[in-house]
N, C-alpha and C. Protein backbone atom coordinates (compact mmCIF):
# COMPACT_ATOMS: atom_id res chain seq x y z
N MET A 1 62.74 -21.96 -39.67
CA MET A 1 62.35 -21.71 -38.00
C MET A 1 62.10 -19.83 -38.25
N ARG A 2 62.93 -20.27 -38.64
CA ARG A 2 62.78 -18.19 -38.55
C ARG A 2 61.63 -17.64 -38.43
N ARG A 3 60.49 -17.82 -39.31
CA ARG A 3 59.94 -18.00 -39.71
C ARG A 3 59.17 -17.60 -38.15
N LEU A 4 58.94 -19.16 -37.43
CA LEU A 4 58.17 -19.46 -36.72
C LEU A 4 59.01 -18.43 -34.99
N LEU A 5 60.79 -17.80 -35.07
CA LEU A 5 60.68 -17.30 -34.60
C LEU A 5 60.17 -15.62 -33.92
N ILE A 6 59.99 -15.76 -35.70
CA ILE A 6 59.03 -14.74 -35.68
C ILE A 6 58.04 -14.40 -34.76
N ILE A 7 56.83 -15.63 -35.31
CA ILE A 7 56.04 -15.70 -34.74
C ILE A 7 56.02 -15.21 -33.24
N ALA A 8 56.47 -15.66 -32.60
CA ALA A 8 56.57 -16.29 -31.54
C ALA A 8 56.88 -14.99 -30.87
N ALA A 9 58.49 -14.36 -31.06
CA ALA A 9 58.55 -12.87 -30.54
C ALA A 9 57.11 -12.31 -30.34
N ALA A 10 56.21 -11.73 -31.59
CA ALA A 10 55.16 -11.22 -32.02
C ALA A 10 54.22 -11.02 -31.81
N LEU A 11 53.56 -12.69 -31.50
CA LEU A 11 52.58 -12.91 -29.68
C LEU A 11 53.72 -12.90 -28.69
N PHE A 12 53.95 -12.31 -28.10
CA PHE A 12 54.64 -12.28 -26.77
C PHE A 12 54.90 -10.95 -26.40
N THR A 13 55.28 -9.86 -27.63
CA THR A 13 55.43 -8.51 -27.09
C THR A 13 53.45 -8.01 -27.59
N ILE A 14 53.04 -8.63 -28.19
CA ILE A 14 51.78 -8.70 -28.04
C ILE A 14 50.72 -8.97 -26.78
N SER A 15 51.71 -9.72 -26.65
CA SER A 15 50.29 -9.97 -25.28
C SER A 15 50.94 -9.40 -23.60
N SER A 16 52.27 -8.96 -23.77
CA SER A 16 52.52 -7.75 -22.52
C SER A 16 52.78 -6.42 -22.25
N ALA A 17 52.90 -6.31 -24.33
CA ALA A 17 52.72 -4.72 -24.29
C ALA A 17 50.85 -4.33 -23.58
N SER A 18 50.07 -5.05 -22.80
CA SER A 18 48.02 -5.39 -23.62
C SER A 18 48.21 -5.13 -21.70
N GLY A 19 48.64 -5.85 -20.67
CA GLY A 19 48.78 -5.57 -19.15
C GLY A 19 48.45 -6.63 -19.01
N THR A 20 47.74 -5.97 -17.29
CA THR A 20 46.33 -7.72 -17.70
C THR A 20 45.40 -6.25 -17.46
N ALA A 21 44.04 -6.84 -17.87
CA ALA A 21 43.08 -6.23 -18.17
C ALA A 21 42.61 -6.23 -17.15
N SER A 22 41.41 -5.14 -16.83
CA SER A 22 41.15 -5.09 -15.63
C SER A 22 40.03 -4.51 -15.53
N ALA A 23 38.55 -4.43 -15.43
CA ALA A 23 37.72 -4.09 -15.87
C ALA A 23 36.98 -3.41 -14.33
N GLN A 24 36.79 -1.85 -15.09
CA GLN A 24 36.65 -1.05 -13.15
C GLN A 24 35.18 -1.78 -12.88
N THR A 25 35.32 -1.65 -11.99
CA THR A 25 33.57 -2.39 -11.28
C THR A 25 33.61 -0.82 -10.18
N LYS A 26 31.68 -0.82 -10.21
CA LYS A 26 31.29 -0.05 -8.29
C LYS A 26 31.42 -0.89 -7.43
N PRO A 27 32.23 0.16 -6.37
CA PRO A 27 31.66 0.27 -4.70
C PRO A 27 31.10 -1.02 -4.68
N MET A 28 30.39 -1.26 -4.45
CA MET A 28 29.52 -2.67 -3.66
C MET A 28 28.26 -1.41 -2.92
N ILE A 29 27.81 -1.54 -2.82
CA ILE A 29 26.38 -0.44 -1.81
C ILE A 29 25.71 -2.28 -0.68
N TYR A 30 25.77 -2.34 0.33
CA TYR A 30 25.24 -3.38 0.53
C TYR A 30 24.12 -2.43 1.61
N LEU A 31 22.58 -3.21 0.55
CA LEU A 31 21.10 -2.83 0.91
C LEU A 31 20.60 -4.40 2.26
N PRO A 32 20.00 -3.91 3.41
CA PRO A 32 19.71 -4.42 3.76
C PRO A 32 18.48 -5.19 2.97
N PRO A 33 17.30 -6.79 3.19
CA PRO A 33 16.84 -6.84 2.14
C PRO A 33 15.74 -5.94 2.84
N VAL A 34 14.54 -5.95 2.28
CA VAL A 34 13.43 -5.05 2.55
C VAL A 34 12.76 -6.42 3.26
N THR A 35 11.61 -6.30 3.71
CA THR A 35 10.30 -7.71 3.73
C THR A 35 9.53 -6.81 4.17
N LEU A 36 8.39 -7.37 3.15
CA LEU A 36 6.98 -6.06 3.51
C LEU A 36 6.44 -6.45 4.85
N GLN A 37 5.88 -6.68 5.75
CA GLN A 37 5.23 -6.80 6.94
C GLN A 37 4.23 -6.52 6.23
N LYS A 38 2.64 -7.87 6.67
CA LYS A 38 1.45 -7.50 7.14
C LYS A 38 0.86 -6.33 7.59
N ILE A 39 0.21 -5.82 7.82
CA ILE A 39 -0.65 -4.67 8.43
C ILE A 39 -1.95 -5.12 8.99
N GLN A 40 -1.60 -5.85 10.32
CA GLN A 40 -3.07 -6.88 10.65
C GLN A 40 -4.25 -5.62 10.58
N GLN A 41 -5.35 -6.39 10.05
CA GLN A 41 -6.63 -5.12 10.56
C GLN A 41 -7.09 -4.80 11.78
N PRO A 42 -7.93 -4.18 12.41
CA PRO A 42 -8.74 -4.60 13.36
C PRO A 42 -9.53 -5.44 13.38
N ARG A 43 -9.47 -6.26 14.04
CA ARG A 43 -11.34 -6.96 13.65
C ARG A 43 -12.37 -6.77 15.02
N LEU A 44 -13.15 -6.45 13.77
CA LEU A 44 -14.79 -6.29 14.46
C LEU A 44 -15.44 -7.03 15.13
N PRO A 45 -16.05 -6.66 15.74
CA PRO A 45 -17.13 -7.54 16.65
C PRO A 45 -18.18 -8.20 15.02
N ILE A 46 -18.46 -9.93 15.48
CA ILE A 46 -19.20 -10.22 14.23
C ILE A 46 -20.70 -10.08 14.63
N ILE A 47 -21.45 -8.87 14.50
CA ILE A 47 -23.11 -9.24 15.06
C ILE A 47 -24.54 -9.63 14.35
N ASN A 48 -25.24 -10.14 14.39
CA ASN A 48 -26.17 -11.19 14.13
C ASN A 48 -26.82 -10.40 14.74
N PHE A 49 -27.65 -10.63 13.03
CA PHE A 49 -28.63 -9.32 12.94
C PHE A 49 -29.83 -11.21 13.12
N ILE A 50 -30.77 -10.29 13.44
CA ILE A 50 -31.90 -10.22 14.37
C ILE A 50 -32.67 -11.12 12.76
N PRO A 51 -33.59 -11.96 12.57
CA PRO A 51 -34.01 -11.63 10.97
C PRO A 51 -35.62 -11.07 10.68
N PRO A 52 -36.19 -10.76 9.62
CA PRO A 52 -36.82 -9.63 9.35
C PRO A 52 -38.08 -9.57 9.56
N SER A 53 -38.23 -11.54 9.45
CA SER A 53 -40.12 -11.78 10.26
C SER A 53 -40.12 -10.61 11.90
N VAL A 54 -39.11 -11.89 12.87
CA VAL A 54 -39.16 -11.28 14.53
C VAL A 54 -39.09 -9.70 14.64
N ALA A 55 -38.53 -9.09 13.90
CA ALA A 55 -38.15 -7.71 14.42
C ALA A 55 -39.78 -6.89 13.28
N LEU A 56 -40.17 -7.52 12.70
CA LEU A 56 -41.15 -7.16 12.39
C LEU A 56 -42.69 -7.50 13.39
N SER A 57 -42.80 -8.89 14.29
CA SER A 57 -43.69 -9.61 15.23
C SER A 57 -43.43 -8.41 16.37
N ARG A 58 -42.01 -7.91 17.18
CA ARG A 58 -41.72 -7.15 17.63
C ARG A 58 -42.14 -5.76 17.32
N ALA A 59 -42.51 -5.72 16.09
CA ALA A 59 -42.81 -4.01 16.10
C ALA A 59 -44.64 -3.96 15.72
N MET A 60 -45.11 -4.98 15.36
CA MET A 60 -46.03 -6.04 15.46
C MET A 60 -46.72 -5.46 17.34
N THR A 61 -46.14 -5.19 18.01
CA THR A 61 -47.32 -5.47 19.36
C THR A 61 -47.01 -3.88 19.68
N ILE A 62 -46.37 -3.08 19.35
CA ILE A 62 -47.01 -1.86 19.25
C ILE A 62 -48.53 -1.07 18.73
N ALA A 63 -49.10 -2.00 17.81
CA ALA A 63 -49.92 -1.78 17.00
C ALA A 63 -50.60 -2.91 16.34
N PRO A 64 -50.94 -4.07 17.32
CA PRO A 64 -51.18 -5.81 16.55
C PRO A 64 -52.16 -5.31 15.84
N GLN A 65 -53.02 -4.42 15.55
CA GLN A 65 -54.58 -4.76 14.24
C GLN A 65 -53.63 -3.66 13.33
N ALA A 66 -52.47 -3.18 12.96
CA ALA A 66 -51.94 -2.85 11.87
C ALA A 66 -51.43 -4.32 10.49
N THR A 67 -51.44 -3.05 9.29
CA THR A 67 -50.60 -4.38 9.03
C THR A 67 -49.42 -4.05 8.57
N ALA A 68 -48.54 -5.17 7.98
CA ALA A 68 -47.23 -4.57 7.59
C ALA A 68 -47.80 -3.81 6.08
N LEU A 69 -46.80 -2.58 5.86
CA LEU A 69 -46.13 -2.82 4.54
C LEU A 69 -45.49 -3.34 4.31
N GLY A 70 -43.55 -2.80 5.11
CA GLY A 70 -42.24 -2.88 4.70
C GLY A 70 -41.65 -3.52 5.33
N VAL A 71 -40.62 -4.11 5.71
CA VAL A 71 -39.87 -3.95 6.67
C VAL A 71 -38.58 -4.66 5.62
N LYS A 72 -37.33 -2.54 5.98
CA LYS A 72 -35.75 -2.69 5.47
C LYS A 72 -35.11 -2.29 6.69
N LEU A 73 -34.10 -3.17 6.30
CA LEU A 73 -31.98 -2.75 6.92
C LEU A 73 -31.99 -1.42 6.39
N LYS A 74 -31.85 -0.63 7.20
CA LYS A 74 -30.88 0.48 7.40
C LYS A 74 -29.80 0.55 8.64
N GLY A 75 -28.54 -0.01 7.81
CA GLY A 75 -27.37 0.22 9.14
C GLY A 75 -28.32 -0.57 10.53
N PRO A 76 -27.66 -0.36 11.82
CA PRO A 76 -27.68 -1.19 12.14
C PRO A 76 -29.21 -1.79 12.64
N LEU A 77 -29.98 -0.49 11.81
CA LEU A 77 -31.23 -0.61 11.98
C LEU A 77 -32.39 -1.28 11.53
N TYR A 78 -33.96 -1.48 11.86
CA TYR A 78 -34.75 -3.02 11.14
C TYR A 78 -35.81 -1.01 10.83
N ILE A 79 -36.34 -0.61 9.76
CA ILE A 79 -37.19 0.31 9.40
C ILE A 79 -38.35 -0.57 9.01
N VAL A 80 -39.25 -0.46 9.95
CA VAL A 80 -40.65 -1.59 9.71
C VAL A 80 -42.07 -0.25 9.70
N LYS A 81 -43.15 -0.79 8.17
CA LYS A 81 -43.94 0.12 7.73
C LYS A 81 -45.36 -0.69 8.91
N LEU A 82 -46.21 0.29 9.41
CA LEU A 82 -47.15 -0.09 9.55
C LEU A 82 -48.25 0.81 9.26
N LYS A 83 -49.25 0.04 8.61
CA LYS A 83 -50.70 0.99 7.91
C LYS A 83 -51.96 1.04 9.42
N GLN A 84 -52.05 1.28 10.34
CA GLN A 84 -53.59 1.68 11.05
C GLN A 84 -54.29 2.56 10.54
N GLY A 85 -55.20 1.99 10.18
CA GLY A 85 -56.37 2.70 9.63
C GLY A 85 -55.50 4.63 8.40
N ASN A 86 -56.06 5.37 9.10
CA ASN A 86 -55.50 5.84 8.14
C ASN A 86 -54.20 6.74 8.54
N GLN A 87 -52.67 6.18 9.00
CA GLN A 87 -51.74 6.27 9.31
C GLN A 87 -51.09 5.26 9.49
N VAL A 88 -50.06 5.45 8.74
CA VAL A 88 -48.36 4.99 8.76
C VAL A 88 -47.84 4.75 9.60
N LEU A 89 -47.62 4.01 10.18
CA LEU A 89 -46.04 4.13 11.63
C LEU A 89 -45.20 3.82 11.02
N GLN A 90 -43.50 4.23 11.56
CA GLN A 90 -42.60 3.45 11.73
C GLN A 90 -41.80 3.70 12.80
N VAL A 91 -41.05 1.67 13.14
CA VAL A 91 -41.90 1.72 14.06
C VAL A 91 -40.11 0.89 14.05
N HIS A 92 -38.70 1.98 15.06
CA HIS A 92 -37.41 0.79 14.45
C HIS A 92 -36.84 0.59 15.71
N VAL A 93 -36.64 -0.85 15.03
CA VAL A 93 -35.73 -1.93 15.27
C VAL A 93 -34.43 -2.33 15.80
N ASP A 94 -33.83 -1.97 16.20
CA ASP A 94 -32.71 -2.78 16.57
C ASP A 94 -32.48 -4.29 16.67
N ALA A 95 -31.45 -3.97 15.49
CA ALA A 95 -30.84 -5.17 14.09
C ALA A 95 -30.45 -6.15 14.85
N ALA A 96 -29.68 -5.95 16.15
CA ALA A 96 -28.58 -6.64 17.00
C ALA A 96 -29.39 -7.90 17.90
N THR A 97 -30.61 -6.67 18.66
CA THR A 97 -30.71 -7.36 19.68
C THR A 97 -32.63 -6.72 20.07
N GLY A 98 -33.40 -6.83 18.65
CA GLY A 98 -34.66 -6.80 18.90
C GLY A 98 -34.86 -5.56 19.77
N ALA A 99 -35.28 -5.07 20.04
CA ALA A 99 -35.02 -4.31 20.90
C ALA A 99 -35.98 -2.81 19.88
N LEU A 100 -37.10 -2.20 20.95
CA LEU A 100 -37.96 -1.63 19.51
C LEU A 100 -36.75 0.38 20.36
N LEU A 101 -36.78 1.42 19.07
CA LEU A 101 -36.08 2.11 20.11
C LEU A 101 -37.41 2.67 18.86
N PRO A 102 -37.68 4.20 20.41
CA PRO A 102 -38.18 5.54 19.91
C PRO A 102 -38.11 6.50 18.74
């Protein structure tokens, strides 16, 4: 019995001597939630290009007897190369409207 009292007294002194255990906590800092915003890019107008065959037929109105050497799309223009005799002509055709440009 005496042994039991000694053990109980020892446990009581150990538990009362330690006090309450408290962890040191850092103060909470409130940060608002970050939401990513989608940046809307400006809408560009959709340009419908005419086919190269139409550009060639429009360019042939300048020199009907010429032979076609090639049609290239450079930016908003078709560059049509025509050969008439000993001359090589370059005709610029607007790719959106089909208008002949000087």
